[in-house]
Amino acid sequence: MQLVTVETAKLAIGCEISGPESGYPSILLHGWPDDARTWDGVLPVLHSAGLKTIVPSAESQSGRQAYPLGNLAANMWIWR
C-alpha cells in the first residue's frame, strides 16, 4: 500500500493506493464516520481482478467531523 496526498489548487486529500501498478484505477469512497478500513474486505478481490484501488480519506477533509459523501464525491471531480 502506498500512502499519498493528492493536492490541487483547491484541496488536499490523503489516499491509500494499492493493487497492481498497471491495474485499471478504481476510486472507492466512504462516508463519515467510516474510514479507509471500510474497504479492507473487498480489496483482495478487486486486486486479484486486476484493479488498482484508490481510497481517499474523507477524514483528511474534515478533521474527523461529519463530512458528507456528496461533498467528497464532488471533490473527486476537481481532480480531473
Protein backbone atom coordinates (compact mmCIF):
# COMPACT_ATOMS: atom_id res chain seq x y z
CA MET A 1 0.00 0.00 0.00
CA GLN A 2 1.17 3.48 -0.87
CA LEU A 3 0.04 6.48 1.18
CA VAL A 4 -0.08 9.71 -0.79
CA THR A 5 -1.53 13.17 -0.50
CA VAL A 6 -3.12 14.42 -3.69
CA GLU A 7 -3.02 18.20 -3.84
CA THR A 8 -4.73 20.60 -6.20
CA ALA A 9 -5.12 24.35 -6.06
CA LYS A 10 -8.33 23.84 -4.10
CA LEU A 11 -7.78 20.88 -1.78
CA ALA A 12 -5.50 18.15 -0.45
CA ILE A 13 -6.79 14.61 0.13
CA GLY A 14 -4.93 11.74 1.75
CA CYS A 15 -5.25 8.49 -0.24
CA GLU A 16 -4.26 4.85 0.06
CA ILE A 17 -3.27 3.31 -3.28
CA SER A 18 -2.85 -0.44 -3.65
CA GLY A 19 -3.17 -3.28 -6.13
CA PRO A 20 -1.41 -3.92 -9.42
CA GLU A 21 0.67 -0.93 -10.56
CA SER A 22 -0.70 -1.18 -14.10
CA GLY A 23 -4.23 -2.03 -12.96
CA TYR A 24 -7.29 -0.07 -14.04
CA PRO A 25 -7.81 2.61 -11.34
CA SER A 26 -10.89 2.29 -9.18
CA ILE A 27 -11.77 5.01 -6.65
CA LEU A 28 -13.52 3.72 -3.53
CA LEU A 29 -15.33 6.39 -1.49
CA HIS A 30 -16.53 6.10 2.09
CA GLY A 31 -18.70 8.30 4.24
CA TRP A 32 -18.29 9.52 7.77
CA PRO A 33 -17.76 8.00 10.33
CA ASP A 34 -16.17 5.22 8.24
CA ASP A 35 -12.57 5.31 7.09
CA ALA A 36 -10.37 3.60 4.53
CA ARG A 37 -10.64 0.32 6.51
CA THR A 38 -14.24 0.09 5.24
CA TRP A 39 -12.91 -1.47 2.03
CA ASP A 40 -10.37 -3.93 3.51
CA GLY A 41 -12.67 -6.92 2.94
CA VAL A 42 -13.08 -6.31 -0.79
CA LEU A 43 -9.59 -5.05 -1.70
CA PRO A 44 -8.10 -8.53 -2.25
CA VAL A 45 -10.93 -9.42 -4.64
CA LEU A 46 -10.54 -6.18 -6.60
CA HIS A 47 -6.77 -6.54 -6.75
CA SER A 48 -6.99 -10.14 -7.94
CA ALA A 49 -9.33 -8.92 -10.69
CA GLY A 50 -6.56 -6.57 -11.82
CA LEU A 51 -7.84 -3.30 -10.34
CA LYS A 52 -5.67 -0.67 -8.71
CA THR A 53 -7.63 0.83 -5.81
CA ILE A 54 -7.51 4.43 -4.69
CA VAL A 55 -9.18 5.14 -1.35
CA PRO A 56 -9.43 8.84 -0.48
CA SER A 57 -9.89 9.63 3.19
CA ALA A 58 -12.94 11.72 3.99
CA GLU A 59 -11.34 12.31 7.39
CA SER A 60 -8.46 14.17 5.77
CA GLN A 61 -11.06 16.68 4.59
CA SER A 62 -12.93 17.08 7.83
CA GLY A 63 -10.59 16.68 10.78
CA ARG A 64 -12.73 13.71 11.93
CA GLN A 65 -16.01 15.63 11.77
CA ALA A 66 -19.01 14.70 9.66
CA TYR A 67 -18.09 15.15 6.01
CA PRO A 68 -20.97 14.34 3.63
CA LEU A 69 -20.17 11.72 0.99
CA GLY A 70 -21.67 14.04 -1.62
CA ASN A 71 -19.01 16.63 -0.80
CA LEU A 72 -16.25 14.04 -1.16
CA ALA A 73 -17.69 12.88 -4.49
CA ALA A 74 -17.81 16.48 -5.70
CA ASN A 75 -14.18 16.94 -4.66
CA MET A 76 -13.18 13.90 -6.73
CA TRP A 77 -14.45 15.83 -9.76
CA ILE A 78 -11.91 18.58 -9.01
CA TRP A 79 -9.05 16.09 -9.51
CA ARG A 80 -9.67 15.65 -13.20
